[in-house]
């Protein structure tokens, strides 16, 4: 990224992830900006704002490792399927957070994994993001047939309200007699809604630019290989490293087999955004909860015995507690070098 993009991304991270951020709507108004800054298109030839006049448009800003977006996409998918024939155009805008999310092949794979069939603008240079003055993943903008932005929602939730806005604009456009019943969404796996009532841990980056509560006894030394150890005990919502790692601006990089990441958390789900070694070499790992294999509490990307493999850069679901949610100590041990770990998230 050029320097201006780095500064923009730092500001975005502060706004999206920082203390006090609360998803929700902001005042409506304004016109739908140009889409000309897209660096590519998937599932569609290039679209233009002018060419979309006369259609109701739902613009969904996303980045494919964002757990908040992953839990919203089943609703966006359902709206596309339900209302496409009534005149709705759902437009995904993929604006990357991490460097590997700029790789169009990775985005294409995510589109296939999430069964997205609506058009997706690739926004690697943040051009569409900037034109919308957007600051959030995910962000939904609903636009009427004249090109006016009539509704916004940032973050998860407000699905009924968002769908009502879509239905109202379609009705005003003359499609009222062709509207199906409101959608019913049964989100499962990684897309299932968070267990908000038991969610006691917040997302945390692992790189030096933005991390909280690092608890290894050794002081973090960004930019150079350093050997770290785990403390005898982790406080709630603290994390630590063991083994030889380089703390990078946006990730931690493991140099030798046997490195570990530990975190004391309270949530039903635990996810880790990871990338394999350079060149895509797989990295084997083992997960432990309170020192034991996770068993029935294993996430989608882990076997009951705790084993798994980092094969591609994405978000990995490592824990889903099936019974009552309790505070636990999570540890992941990597049996091969080269893995990068970017962020830990919960649900």
C-alpha atoms as a PDB file:
ATOM      1  CA  UNK A   1       0.000   0.000   0.000  1.00  0.00           C
ATOM      2  CA  UNK A   2       1.100   3.545  -0.650  1.00  0.00           C
ATOM      3  CA  UNK A   3       1.499   5.807   2.368  1.00  0.00           C
ATOM      4  CA  UNK A   4      -1.876   7.519   1.991  1.00  0.00           C
ATOM      5  CA  UNK A   5      -3.624   4.148   1.885  1.00  0.00           C
ATOM      6  CA  UNK A   6      -1.746   3.058   5.013  1.00  0.00           C
ATOM      7  CA  UNK A   7      -2.918   6.192   6.826  1.00  0.00           C
ATOM      8  CA  UNK A   8      -6.484   5.627   5.669  1.00  0.00           C
ATOM      9  CA  UNK A   9      -6.432   2.018   6.813  1.00  0.00           C
ATOM     10  CA  UNK A  10      -5.077   3.026  10.217  1.00  0.00           C
ATOM     11  CA  UNK A  11      -7.938   5.502  10.607  1.00  0.00           C
ATOM     12  CA  UNK A  12     -10.449   2.878   9.523  1.00  0.00           C
ATOM     13  CA  UNK A  13      -9.134   0.364  12.035  1.00  0.00           C
ATOM     14  CA  UNK A  14      -9.404   2.960  14.771  1.00  0.00           C
ATOM     15  CA  UNK A  15     -12.988   3.756  13.825  1.00  0.00           C
ATOM     16  CA  UNK A  16     -14.156   0.195  13.261  1.00  0.00           C
ATOM     17  CA  UNK A  17     -12.406  -1.662  16.037  1.00  0.00           C
ATOM     18  CA  UNK A  18     -11.615   0.996  18.561  1.00  0.00           C
ATOM     19  CA  UNK A  19     -13.196   1.466  21.975  1.00  0.00           C
ATOM     20  CA  UNK A  20     -16.600   3.060  21.845  1.00  0.00           C
ATOM     21  CA  UNK A  21     -17.473   1.926  18.341  1.00  0.00           C
ATOM     22  CA  UNK A  22     -21.147   1.005  18.141  1.00  0.00           C
ATOM     23  CA  UNK A  23     -22.743  -0.222  14.928  1.00  0.00           C
ATOM     24  CA  UNK A  24     -25.931   1.450  13.809  1.00  0.00           C
ATOM     25  CA  UNK A  25     -27.528   3.816  11.316  1.00  0.00           C
ATOM     26  CA  UNK A  26     -26.422   7.309  10.455  1.00  0.00           C
ATOM     27  CA  UNK A  27     -28.639   9.984   8.857  1.00  0.00           C
ATOM     28  CA  UNK A  28     -29.765   9.141   5.349  1.00  0.00           C
ATOM     29  CA  UNK A  29     -29.161  11.376   2.376  1.00  0.00           C
ATOM     30  CA  UNK A  30     -26.874  11.996  -0.528  1.00  0.00           C
ATOM     31  CA  UNK A  31     -26.501  10.444  -3.944  1.00  0.00           C
ATOM     32  CA  UNK A  32     -24.961   7.122  -4.862  1.00  0.00           C
ATOM     33  CA  UNK A  33     -21.331   7.873  -5.816  1.00  0.00           C
ATOM     34  CA  UNK A  34     -19.505   6.607  -8.873  1.00  0.00           C
ATOM     35  CA  UNK A  35     -18.280   3.009  -9.106  1.00  0.00           C
ATOM     36  CA  UNK A  36     -15.528   3.911 -11.575  1.00  0.00           C
ATOM     37  CA  UNK A  37     -12.765   3.420  -8.974  1.00  0.00           C
ATOM     38  CA  UNK A  38     -13.326  -0.352  -8.825  1.00  0.00           C
ATOM     39  CA  UNK A  39     -10.100  -2.235  -9.577  1.00  0.00           C
ATOM     40  CA  UNK A  40     -12.009  -5.243 -10.888  1.00  0.00           C
ATOM     41  CA  UNK A  41     -15.375  -6.984 -11.026  1.00  0.00           C
ATOM     42  CA  UNK A  42     -16.475 -10.493 -10.097  1.00  0.00           C
ATOM     43  CA  UNK A  43     -19.764 -12.220 -10.969  1.00  0.00           C
ATOM     44  CA  UNK A  44     -20.557  -9.373 -13.370  1.00  0.00           C
ATOM     45  CA  UNK A  45     -19.227  -7.076 -16.074  1.00  0.00           C
ATOM     46  CA  UNK A  46     -18.447  -3.592 -14.748  1.00  0.00           C
ATOM     47  CA  UNK A  47     -21.486  -1.711 -13.456  1.00  0.00           C
ATOM     48  CA  UNK A  48     -21.978   2.045 -13.373  1.00  0.00           C
ATOM     49  CA  UNK A  49     -24.013   4.260 -11.118  1.00  0.00           C
ATOM     50  CA  UNK A  50     -25.778   5.694 -14.150  1.00  0.00           C
ATOM     51  CA  UNK A  51     -26.572   2.224 -15.452  1.00  0.00           C
ATOM     52  CA  UNK A  52     -28.222   1.319 -12.139  1.00  0.00           C
ATOM     53  CA  UNK A  53     -30.704   4.197 -12.295  1.00  0.00           C
ATOM     54  CA  UNK A  54     -34.221   2.815 -12.253  1.00  0.00           C
ATOM     55  CA  UNK A  55     -33.236  -0.054  -9.947  1.00  0.00           C
ATOM     56  CA  UNK A  56     -33.262  -0.280  -6.166  1.00  0.00           C
ATOM     57  CA  UNK A  57     -29.673  -1.012  -5.130  1.00  0.00           C
ATOM     58  CA  UNK A  58     -28.316  -2.500  -1.893  1.00  0.00           C
ATOM     59  CA  UNK A  59     -24.561  -1.869  -1.556  1.00  0.00           C
ATOM     60  CA  UNK A  60     -22.789  -4.147   0.927  1.00  0.00           C
ATOM     61  CA  UNK A  61     -19.220  -3.227   1.926  1.00  0.00           C
ATOM     62  CA  UNK A  62     -17.263  -6.253   3.127  1.00  0.00           C
ATOM     63  CA  UNK A  63     -13.869  -7.812   3.594  1.00  0.00           C
ATOM     64  CA  UNK A  64     -13.809 -11.559   3.588  1.00  0.00           C
ATOM     65  CA  UNK A  65     -12.097 -12.298   6.924  1.00  0.00           C
ATOM     66  CA  UNK A  66     -14.410 -10.007   8.925  1.00  0.00           C
ATOM     67  CA  UNK A  67     -16.508 -12.103  11.322  1.00  0.00           C
ATOM     68  CA  UNK A  68     -19.071  -9.287  11.572  1.00  0.00           C
ATOM     69  CA  UNK A  69     -19.603  -9.458   7.813  1.00  0.00           C
ATOM     70  CA  UNK A  70     -19.640 -13.265   7.784  1.00  0.00           C
ATOM     71  CA  UNK A  71     -22.593 -13.175  10.174  1.00  0.00           C
ATOM     72  CA  UNK A  72     -24.494 -10.706   7.958  1.00  0.00           C
ATOM     73  CA  UNK A  73     -23.941 -12.308   4.555  1.00  0.00           C
ATOM     74  CA  UNK A  74     -26.730 -14.917   4.857  1.00  0.00           C
ATOM     75  CA  UNK A  75     -29.220 -12.038   5.028  1.00  0.00           C
ATOM     76  CA  UNK A  76     -27.681 -10.189   2.089  1.00  0.00           C
ATOM     77  CA  UNK A  77     -27.700 -13.430   0.088  1.00  0.00           C
ATOM     78  CA  UNK A  78     -31.342 -14.031   0.974  1.00  0.00           C
ATOM     79  CA  UNK A  79     -32.379 -10.505  -0.052  1.00  0.00           C
ATOM     80  CA  UNK A  80     -30.668 -10.956  -3.394  1.00  0.00           C
ATOM     81  CA  UNK A  81     -32.447 -14.254  -4.038  1.00  0.00           C
ATOM     82  CA  UNK A  82     -35.841 -13.000  -2.837  1.00  0.00           C
ATOM     83  CA  UNK A  83     -35.986  -9.575  -4.485  1.00  0.00           C
ATOM     84  CA  UNK A  84     -33.837  -9.790  -7.623  1.00  0.00           C
ATOM     85  CA  UNK A  85     -36.850 -10.457  -9.853  1.00  0.00           C
ATOM     86  CA  UNK A  86     -38.687  -7.519  -8.248  1.00  0.00           C
ATOM     87  CA  UNK A  87     -35.972  -5.085  -9.310  1.00  0.00           C
ATOM     88  CA  UNK A  88     -33.347  -5.192  -6.532  1.00  0.00           C
ATOM     89  CA  UNK A  89     -29.660  -5.174  -7.411  1.00  0.00           C
ATOM     90  CA  UNK A  90     -27.404  -6.322  -4.573  1.00  0.00           C
ATOM     91  CA  UNK A  91     -23.857  -5.045  -5.078  1.00  0.00           C
ATOM     92  CA  UNK A  92     -21.002  -6.273  -2.925  1.00  0.00           C
ATOM     93  CA  UNK A  93     -17.969  -3.993  -2.579  1.00  0.00           C
ATOM     94  CA  UNK A  94     -14.936  -5.902  -1.328  1.00  0.00           C
ATOM     95  CA  UNK A  95     -12.531  -3.447   0.311  1.00  0.00           C
ATOM     96  CA  UNK A  96      -9.569  -5.332   1.850  1.00  0.00           C
ATOM     97  CA  UNK A  97      -8.277  -4.949   5.379  1.00  0.00           C
ATOM     98  CA  UNK A  98      -5.252  -7.275   5.294  1.00  0.00           C
ATOM     99  CA  UNK A  99      -2.709  -7.456   2.429  1.00  0.00           C
ATOM    100  CA  UNK A 100      -3.729 -10.966   1.358  1.00  0.00           C
ATOM    101  CA  UNK A 101      -7.319  -9.760   0.904  1.00  0.00           C
ATOM    102  CA  UNK A 102      -6.088  -7.716  -2.068  1.00  0.00           C
ATOM    103  CA  UNK A 103      -5.451 -10.974  -3.968  1.00  0.00           C
ATOM    104  CA  UNK A 104      -8.403 -11.364  -6.326  1.00  0.00           C
ATOM    105  CA  UNK A 105      -8.027 -15.154  -6.307  1.00  0.00           C
ATOM    106  CA  UNK A 106      -8.560 -15.127  -2.541  1.00  0.00           C
ATOM    107  CA  UNK A 107     -11.653 -12.953  -2.950  1.00  0.00           C
ATOM    108  CA  UNK A 108     -12.924 -15.237  -5.719  1.00  0.00           C
ATOM    109  CA  UNK A 109     -12.498 -18.245  -3.418  1.00  0.00           C
ATOM    110  CA  UNK A 110     -14.380 -16.458  -0.625  1.00  0.00           C
ATOM    111  CA  UNK A 111     -17.226 -15.664  -3.030  1.00  0.00           C
ATOM    112  CA  UNK A 112     -17.477 -19.349  -3.902  1.00  0.00           C
ATOM    113  CA  UNK A 113     -17.294 -20.426  -0.242  1.00  0.00           C
ATOM    114  CA  UNK A 114     -20.075 -18.030   0.719  1.00  0.00           C
ATOM    115  CA  UNK A 115     -22.169 -18.890  -2.372  1.00  0.00           C
ATOM    116  CA  UNK A 116     -22.371 -15.272  -3.490  1.00  0.00           C
ATOM    117  CA  UNK A 117     -23.879 -14.861  -6.960  1.00  0.00           C
ATOM    118  CA  UNK A 118     -24.541 -11.104  -6.994  1.00  0.00           C
ATOM    119  CA  UNK A 119     -22.022  -8.636  -8.544  1.00  0.00           C
ATOM    120  CA  UNK A 120     -18.918  -7.793  -6.521  1.00  0.00           C
ATOM    121  CA  UNK A 121     -16.760  -4.728  -7.145  1.00  0.00           C
ATOM    122  CA  UNK A 122     -13.125  -5.229  -6.145  1.00  0.00           C
ATOM    123  CA  UNK A 123     -12.098  -2.053  -4.301  1.00  0.00           C
ATOM    124  CA  UNK A 124      -8.393  -2.631  -3.628  1.00  0.00           C
ATOM    125  CA  UNK A 125      -7.538   1.074  -3.798  1.00  0.00           C
ATOM    126  CA  UNK A 126     -10.381   2.157  -1.451  1.00  0.00           C
ATOM    127  CA  UNK A 127     -11.816   4.299  -4.228  1.00  0.00           C
ATOM    128  CA  UNK A 128     -15.471   3.305  -3.815  1.00  0.00           C
ATOM    129  CA  UNK A 129     -15.052   3.220  -0.025  1.00  0.00           C
ATOM    130  CA  UNK A 130     -13.775   6.802  -0.106  1.00  0.00           C
ATOM    131  CA  UNK A 131     -16.496   7.942  -2.509  1.00  0.00           C
ATOM    132  CA  UNK A 132     -19.128   6.684  -0.055  1.00  0.00           C
ATOM    133  CA  UNK A 133     -17.138   8.149   2.890  1.00  0.00           C
ATOM    134  CA  UNK A 134     -17.566   4.698   4.432  1.00  0.00           C
ATOM    135  CA  UNK A 135     -15.749   3.654   7.609  1.00  0.00           C
ATOM    136  CA  UNK A 136     -17.153   0.232   8.471  1.00  0.00           C
ATOM    137  CA  UNK A 137     -17.126  -3.471   7.668  1.00  0.00           C
ATOM    138  CA  UNK A 138     -19.868  -4.434   7.087  1.00  0.00           C
ATOM    139  CA  UNK A 139     -21.852  -1.449   5.870  1.00  0.00           C
ATOM    140  CA  UNK A 140     -25.167  -1.500   4.019  1.00  0.00           C
ATOM    141  CA  UNK A 141     -26.466   1.354   1.853  1.00  0.00           C
ATOM    142  CA  UNK A 142     -29.903   1.136   0.207  1.00  0.00           C
ATOM    143  CA  UNK A 143     -30.462   3.398  -2.809  1.00  0.00           C
ATOM    144  CA  UNK A 144     -33.731   4.260  -4.555  1.00  0.00           C
ATOM    145  CA  UNK A 145     -34.424   4.275  -8.298  1.00  0.00           C
ATOM    146  CA  UNK A 146     -33.403   7.947  -8.576  1.00  0.00           C
ATOM    147  CA  UNK A 147     -30.001   7.192  -7.065  1.00  0.00           C
ATOM    148  CA  UNK A 148     -30.664   8.647  -3.604  1.00  0.00           C
ATOM    149  CA  UNK A 149     -29.147   6.926  -0.574  1.00  0.00           C
ATOM    150  CA  UNK A 150     -32.216   6.324   1.593  1.00  0.00           C
ATOM    151  CA  UNK A 151     -30.928   3.994   4.304  1.00  0.00           C
ATOM    152  CA  UNK A 152     -27.645   3.054   6.008  1.00  0.00           C
ATOM    153  CA  UNK A 153     -26.749   0.438   8.546  1.00  0.00           C
ATOM    154  CA  UNK A 154     -23.277  -0.269   9.927  1.00  0.00           C
ATOM    155  CA  UNK A 155     -22.323  -3.521  11.598  1.00  0.00           C
ATOM    156  CA  UNK A 156     -24.479  -6.510  12.409  1.00  0.00           C
ATOM    157  CA  UNK A 157     -28.185  -6.562  13.160  1.00  0.00           C
ATOM    158  CA  UNK A 158     -31.156  -4.415  12.044  1.00  0.00           C
ATOM    159  CA  UNK A 159     -32.003  -7.100   9.484  1.00  0.00           C
ATOM    160  CA  UNK A 160     -35.748  -6.545   9.708  1.00  0.00           C
ATOM    161  CA  UNK A 161     -35.330  -2.786   9.417  1.00  0.00           C
ATOM    162  CA  UNK A 162     -32.952  -3.170   6.453  1.00  0.00           C
ATOM    163  CA  UNK A 163     -35.335  -5.492   4.642  1.00  0.00           C
ATOM    164  CA  UNK A 164     -38.227  -3.130   5.310  1.00  0.00           C
ATOM    165  CA  UNK A 165     -36.262  -0.333   3.641  1.00  0.00           C
ATOM    166  CA  UNK A 166     -35.631  -2.535   0.601  1.00  0.00           C
ATOM    167  CA  UNK A 167     -39.304  -3.546   0.390  1.00  0.00           C
ATOM    168  CA  UNK A 168     -40.505   0.030   0.769  1.00  0.00           C
ATOM    169  CA  UNK A 169     -38.314   1.303  -2.056  1.00  0.00           C
ATOM    170  CA  UNK A 170     -39.329  -1.600  -4.306  1.00  0.00           C
ATOM    171  CA  UNK A 171     -42.981  -0.853  -3.565  1.00  0.00           C
ATOM    172  CA  UNK A 172     -42.476   2.817  -4.413  1.00  0.00           C
ATOM    173  CA  UNK A 173     -40.869   1.681  -7.677  1.00  0.00           C
ATOM    174  CA  UNK A 174     -44.022  -0.238  -8.600  1.00  0.00           C
ATOM    175  CA  UNK A 175     -43.032  -3.764  -7.594  1.00  0.00           C
ATOM    176  CA  UNK A 176     -45.366  -4.069  -4.600  1.00  0.00           C
ATOM    177  CA  UNK A 177     -47.574  -6.715  -6.206  1.00  0.00           C
ATOM    178  CA  UNK A 178     -44.544  -8.885  -7.004  1.00  0.00           C
ATOM    179  CA  UNK A 179     -42.889  -8.900  -3.593  1.00  0.00           C
ATOM    180  CA  UNK A 180     -42.492 -12.253  -1.811  1.00  0.00           C
ATOM    181  CA  UNK A 181     -42.935 -12.652   1.925  1.00  0.00           C
ATOM    182  CA  UNK A 182     -40.065 -11.341   4.075  1.00  0.00           C
ATOM    183  CA  UNK A 183     -37.128 -13.723   4.108  1.00  0.00           C
ATOM    184  CA  UNK A 184     -36.528 -16.347   6.784  1.00  0.00           C
ATOM    185  CA  UNK A 185     -32.820 -16.933   7.400  1.00  0.00           C
ATOM    186  CA  UNK A 186     -31.406 -19.996   9.141  1.00  0.00           C
ATOM    187  CA  UNK A 187     -27.738 -19.066   9.494  1.00  0.00           C
ATOM    188  CA  UNK A 188     -25.415 -21.881  10.495  1.00  0.00           C
ATOM    189  CA  UNK A 189     -21.746 -22.623  11.021  1.00  0.00           C
ATOM    190  CA  UNK A 190     -19.446 -19.637  10.789  1.00  0.00           C
ATOM    191  CA  UNK A 191     -22.409 -17.517   9.628  1.00  0.00           C
ATOM    192  CA  UNK A 192     -24.504 -18.132  12.750  1.00  0.00           C
ATOM    193  CA  UNK A 193     -25.258 -15.097  14.905  1.00  0.00           C
ATOM    194  CA  UNK A 194     -23.015 -14.484  17.872  1.00  0.00           C
ATOM    195  CA  UNK A 195     -24.099 -15.541  21.339  1.00  0.00           C
ATOM    196  CA  UNK A 196     -24.349 -11.918  22.438  1.00  0.00           C
ATOM    197  CA  UNK A 197     -25.600 -12.674  25.943  1.00  0.00           C
ATOM    198  CA  UNK A 198     -22.427 -14.610  26.780  1.00  0.00           C
ATOM    199  CA  UNK A 199     -19.940 -12.615  24.732  1.00  0.00           C
ATOM    200  CA  UNK A 200     -17.347 -11.305  27.162  1.00  0.00           C
ATOM    201  CA  UNK A 201     -14.317 -10.913  24.886  1.00  0.00           C
ATOM    202  CA  UNK A 202     -13.623  -8.359  22.162  1.00  0.00           C
ATOM    203  CA  UNK A 203     -11.727  -8.686  18.915  1.00  0.00           C
ATOM    204  CA  UNK A 204      -7.995  -8.091  19.170  1.00  0.00           C
ATOM    205  CA  UNK A 205      -5.293  -7.610  16.560  1.00  0.00           C
ATOM    206  CA  UNK A 206      -1.998  -9.417  17.109  1.00  0.00           C
ATOM    207  CA  UNK A 207       0.311  -7.109  15.162  1.00  0.00           C
ATOM    208  CA  UNK A 208       2.216  -4.210  16.698  1.00  0.00           C
ATOM    209  CA  UNK A 209       0.086  -1.477  15.104  1.00  0.00           C
ATOM    210  CA  UNK A 210      -2.937  -2.280  17.201  1.00  0.00           C
ATOM    211  CA  UNK A 211      -3.027  -4.838  19.949  1.00  0.00           C
ATOM    212  CA  UNK A 212      -4.144  -4.889  23.567  1.00  0.00           C
ATOM    213  CA  UNK A 213      -3.279  -6.939  26.640  1.00  0.00           C
ATOM    214  CA  UNK A 214      -0.126  -8.696  25.411  1.00  0.00           C
ATOM    215  CA  UNK A 215       0.998 -10.744  28.417  1.00  0.00           C
ATOM    216  CA  UNK A 216       4.237 -12.565  27.568  1.00  0.00           C
ATOM    217  CA  UNK A 217       6.891 -11.658  30.156  1.00  0.00           C
ATOM    218  CA  UNK A 218       9.179 -10.468  27.365  1.00  0.00           C
ATOM    219  CA  UNK A 219       8.517  -7.019  25.973  1.00  0.00           C
ATOM    220  CA  UNK A 220       7.181  -7.162  22.414  1.00  0.00           C
ATOM    221  CA  UNK A 221       9.996  -6.403  19.961  1.00  0.00           C
ATOM    222  CA  UNK A 222       8.471  -5.383  16.619  1.00  0.00           C
ATOM    223  CA  UNK A 223      10.296  -6.094  13.389  1.00  0.00           C
ATOM    224  CA  UNK A 224      12.840  -8.647  14.562  1.00  0.00           C
ATOM    225  CA  UNK A 225      12.742 -12.353  15.550  1.00  0.00           C
ATOM    226  CA  UNK A 226      12.440 -12.769  19.288  1.00  0.00           C
ATOM    227  CA  UNK A 227      11.760 -15.659  21.625  1.00  0.00           C
ATOM    228  CA  UNK A 228       8.658 -15.338  23.815  1.00  0.00           C
ATOM    229  CA  UNK A 229       7.234 -17.413  26.654  1.00  0.00           C
ATOM    230  CA  UNK A 230       3.780 -17.841  28.157  1.00  0.00           C
ATOM    231  CA  UNK A 231       3.132 -16.436  31.635  1.00  0.00           C
ATOM    232  CA  UNK A 232       2.182 -18.878  34.415  1.00  0.00           C
ATOM    233  CA  UNK A 233      -1.389 -17.575  34.246  1.00  0.00           C
ATOM    234  CA  UNK A 234      -3.327 -15.438  31.790  1.00  0.00           C
ATOM    235  CA  UNK A 235      -5.727 -12.787  33.018  1.00  0.00           C
ATOM    236  CA  UNK A 236      -9.111 -12.576  31.274  1.00  0.00           C
ATOM    237  CA  UNK A 237      -8.877 -11.151  27.746  1.00  0.00           C
ATOM    238  CA  UNK A 238      -5.084 -11.249  27.740  1.00  0.00           C
ATOM    239  CA  UNK A 239      -2.969 -13.113  25.193  1.00  0.00           C
ATOM    240  CA  UNK A 240       0.618 -14.275  24.846  1.00  0.00           C
ATOM    241  CA  UNK A 241       3.144 -15.917  22.542  1.00  0.00           C
ATOM    242  CA  UNK A 242       5.529 -18.824  23.040  1.00  0.00           C
ATOM    243  CA  UNK A 243       8.401 -19.616  20.673  1.00  0.00           C
ATOM    244  CA  UNK A 244      10.341 -17.561  18.152  1.00  0.00           C
ATOM    245  CA  UNK A 245       8.138 -14.956  16.478  1.00  0.00           C
ATOM    246  CA  UNK A 246       8.478 -11.654  14.671  1.00  0.00           C
ATOM    247  CA  UNK A 247       5.857  -9.134  15.693  1.00  0.00           C
ATOM    248  CA  UNK A 248       4.962  -7.395  12.440  1.00  0.00           C
ATOM    249  CA  UNK A 249       2.803  -4.272  12.030  1.00  0.00           C
ATOM    250  CA  UNK A 250      -0.359  -6.273  11.271  1.00  0.00           C
ATOM    251  CA  UNK A 251       0.482  -9.855  12.292  1.00  0.00           C
ATOM    252  CA  UNK A 252       2.833 -12.163  14.162  1.00  0.00           C
ATOM    253  CA  UNK A 253       5.084 -14.477  12.111  1.00  0.00           C
ATOM    254  CA  UNK A 254       6.359 -17.816  13.454  1.00  0.00           C
ATOM    255  CA  UNK A 255       9.936 -18.878  12.609  1.00  0.00           C
ATOM    256  CA  UNK A 256      10.243 -22.332  14.192  1.00  0.00           C
ATOM    257  CA  UNK A 257       7.905 -25.279  14.817  1.00  0.00           C
ATOM    258  CA  UNK A 258       6.275 -25.457  18.230  1.00  0.00           C
ATOM    259  CA  UNK A 259       5.255 -21.818  18.531  1.00  0.00           C
ATOM    260  CA  UNK A 260       2.052 -21.107  20.438  1.00  0.00           C
ATOM    261  CA  UNK A 261      -0.582 -18.398  20.805  1.00  0.00           C
ATOM    262  CA  UNK A 262      -2.619 -18.401  24.019  1.00  0.00           C
ATOM    263  CA  UNK A 263      -5.669 -16.362  24.982  1.00  0.00           C
ATOM    264  CA  UNK A 264      -7.957 -16.263  28.032  1.00  0.00           C
ATOM    265  CA  UNK A 265     -11.448 -15.615  26.690  1.00  0.00           C
ATOM    266  CA  UNK A 266     -15.151 -15.777  27.460  1.00  0.00           C
ATOM    267  CA  UNK A 267     -17.334 -16.463  24.416  1.00  0.00           C
ATOM    268  CA  UNK A 268     -19.082 -19.290  22.618  1.00  0.00           C
ATOM    269  CA  UNK A 269     -16.857 -18.976  19.538  1.00  0.00           C
ATOM    270  CA  UNK A 270     -13.194 -18.192  18.984  1.00  0.00           C
ATOM    271  CA  UNK A 271     -11.737 -17.465  15.534  1.00  0.00           C
ATOM    272  CA  UNK A 272      -8.235 -16.672  14.327  1.00  0.00           C
ATOM    273  CA  UNK A 273      -7.367 -14.958  11.043  1.00  0.00           C
ATOM    274  CA  UNK A 274      -4.319 -16.829   9.729  1.00  0.00           C
ATOM    275  CA  UNK A 275      -2.256 -17.257   6.579  1.00  0.00           C
ATOM    276  CA  UNK A 276      -0.041 -20.224   5.675  1.00  0.00           C
ATOM    277  CA  UNK A 277       3.705 -20.046   5.232  1.00  0.00           C
ATOM    278  CA  UNK A 278       5.265 -18.180   2.323  1.00  0.00           C
ATOM    279  CA  UNK A 279       4.478 -19.903  -0.948  1.00  0.00           C
ATOM    280  CA  UNK A 280       1.300 -21.390   0.540  1.00  0.00           C
ATOM    281  CA  UNK A 281       2.920 -24.280   2.408  1.00  0.00           C
ATOM    282  CA  UNK A 282       0.336 -25.737   4.819  1.00  0.00           C
ATOM    283  CA  UNK A 283       0.887 -25.297   8.548  1.00  0.00           C
ATOM    284  CA  UNK A 284      -0.389 -28.005  10.896  1.00  0.00           C
ATOM    285  CA  UNK A 285      -1.707 -27.008  14.312  1.00  0.00           C
ATOM    286  CA  UNK A 286      -3.248 -28.364  17.508  1.00  0.00           C
ATOM    287  CA  UNK A 287      -5.814 -26.593  19.698  1.00  0.00           C
ATOM    288  CA  UNK A 288      -6.273 -27.034  23.435  1.00  0.00           C
ATOM    289  CA  UNK A 289      -8.938 -25.677  25.795  1.00  0.00           C
ATOM    290  CA  UNK A 290      -7.780 -25.555  29.400  1.00  0.00           C
ATOM    291  CA  UNK A 291      -5.018 -27.957  28.379  1.00  0.00           C
ATOM    292  CA  UNK A 292      -7.304 -30.556  26.802  1.00  0.00           C
ATOM    293  CA  UNK A 293      -8.413 -31.344  23.233  1.00  0.00           C
ATOM    294  CA  UNK A 294     -11.635 -29.453  22.486  1.00  0.00           C
ATOM    295  CA  UNK A 295     -13.771 -32.533  21.768  1.00  0.00           C
ATOM    296  CA  UNK A 296     -17.338 -31.440  21.073  1.00  0.00           C
ATOM    297  CA  UNK A 297     -16.278 -27.794  21.554  1.00  0.00           C
ATOM    298  CA  UNK A 298     -14.150 -27.882  18.396  1.00  0.00           C
ATOM    299  CA  UNK A 299     -14.906 -25.256  15.772  1.00  0.00           C
ATOM    300  CA  UNK A 300     -15.607 -25.959  12.118  1.00  0.00           C
ATOM    301  CA  UNK A 301     -11.900 -25.893  11.195  1.00  0.00           C
ATOM    302  CA  UNK A 302     -10.725 -28.247  13.961  1.00  0.00           C
ATOM    303  CA  UNK A 303     -11.172 -31.969  14.554  1.00  0.00           C
ATOM    304  CA  UNK A 304     -12.382 -33.162  17.948  1.00  0.00           C
ATOM    305  CA  UNK A 305      -8.792 -34.049  18.868  1.00  0.00           C
ATOM    306  CA  UNK A 306      -7.806 -30.426  18.232  1.00  0.00           C
ATOM    307  CA  UNK A 307      -5.894 -30.919  14.996  1.00  0.00           C
ATOM    308  CA  UNK A 308      -6.207 -28.722  11.921  1.00  0.00           C
ATOM    309  CA  UNK A 309      -4.242 -27.168   9.082  1.00  0.00           C
ATOM    310  CA  UNK A 310      -3.811 -23.624   7.816  1.00  0.00           C
ATOM    311  CA  UNK A 311      -4.108 -24.034   4.053  1.00  0.00           C
ATOM    312  CA  UNK A 312      -5.177 -20.589   2.827  1.00  0.00           C
ATOM    313  CA  UNK A 313      -5.361 -17.043   4.211  1.00  0.00           C
ATOM    314  CA  UNK A 314      -8.757 -16.647   5.908  1.00  0.00           C
ATOM    315  CA  UNK A 315     -10.623 -16.684   9.194  1.00  0.00           C
ATOM    316  CA  UNK A 316     -10.570 -20.087  10.958  1.00  0.00           C
ATOM    317  CA  UNK A 317     -13.222 -21.080  13.485  1.00  0.00           C
ATOM    318  CA  UNK A 318     -11.310 -22.911  16.213  1.00  0.00           C
ATOM    319  CA  UNK A 319     -13.784 -23.084  19.120  1.00  0.00           C
ATOM    320  CA  UNK A 320     -17.550 -23.331  19.383  1.00  0.00           C
ATOM    321  CA  UNK A 321     -18.630 -24.215  22.919  1.00  0.00           C
ATOM    322  CA  UNK A 322     -21.669 -26.493  22.696  1.00  0.00           C
ATOM    323  CA  UNK A 323     -22.688 -26.334  26.335  1.00  0.00           C
ATOM    324  CA  UNK A 324     -22.826 -23.435  28.793  1.00  0.00           C
ATOM    325  CA  UNK A 325     -20.302 -20.751  27.891  1.00  0.00           C
ATOM    326  CA  UNK A 326     -17.457 -20.535  30.379  1.00  0.00           C
ATOM    327  CA  UNK A 327     -14.222 -18.593  30.613  1.00  0.00           C
ATOM    328  CA  UNK A 328     -11.532 -20.759  29.051  1.00  0.00           C
ATOM    329  CA  UNK A 329      -7.839 -20.703  28.209  1.00  0.00           C
ATOM    330  CA  UNK A 330      -7.232 -21.271  24.514  1.00  0.00           C
ATOM    331  CA  UNK A 331      -3.884 -22.417  23.128  1.00  0.00           C
ATOM    332  CA  UNK A 332      -2.902 -23.176  19.557  1.00  0.00           C
ATOM    333  CA  UNK A 333       0.425 -24.879  18.814  1.00  0.00           C
ATOM    334  CA  UNK A 334       1.837 -24.748  15.286  1.00  0.00           C
ATOM    335  CA  UNK A 335       3.816 -27.792  14.152  1.00  0.00           C
ATOM    336  CA  UNK A 336       5.324 -26.081  11.113  1.00  0.00           C
ATOM    337  CA  UNK A 337       6.984 -22.667  10.752  1.00  0.00           C
ATOM    338  CA  UNK A 338       5.885 -19.720   8.673  1.00  0.00           C
ATOM    339  CA  UNK A 339       2.322 -19.114   9.821  1.00  0.00           C
ATOM    340  CA  UNK A 340       1.070 -15.549  10.193  1.00  0.00           C
ATOM    341  CA  UNK A 341      -1.680 -14.781  12.717  1.00  0.00           C
ATOM    342  CA  UNK A 342      -3.495 -11.472  12.273  1.00  0.00           C
ATOM    343  CA  UNK A 343      -6.517 -11.152  14.554  1.00  0.00           C
ATOM    344  CA  UNK A 344      -8.519 -13.094  17.096  1.00  0.00           C
ATOM    345  CA  UNK A 345     -12.296 -12.673  17.166  1.00  0.00           C
ATOM    346  CA  UNK A 346     -15.203 -14.053  19.131  1.00  0.00           C
ATOM    347  CA  UNK A 347     -18.913 -14.799  18.851  1.00  0.00           C
END
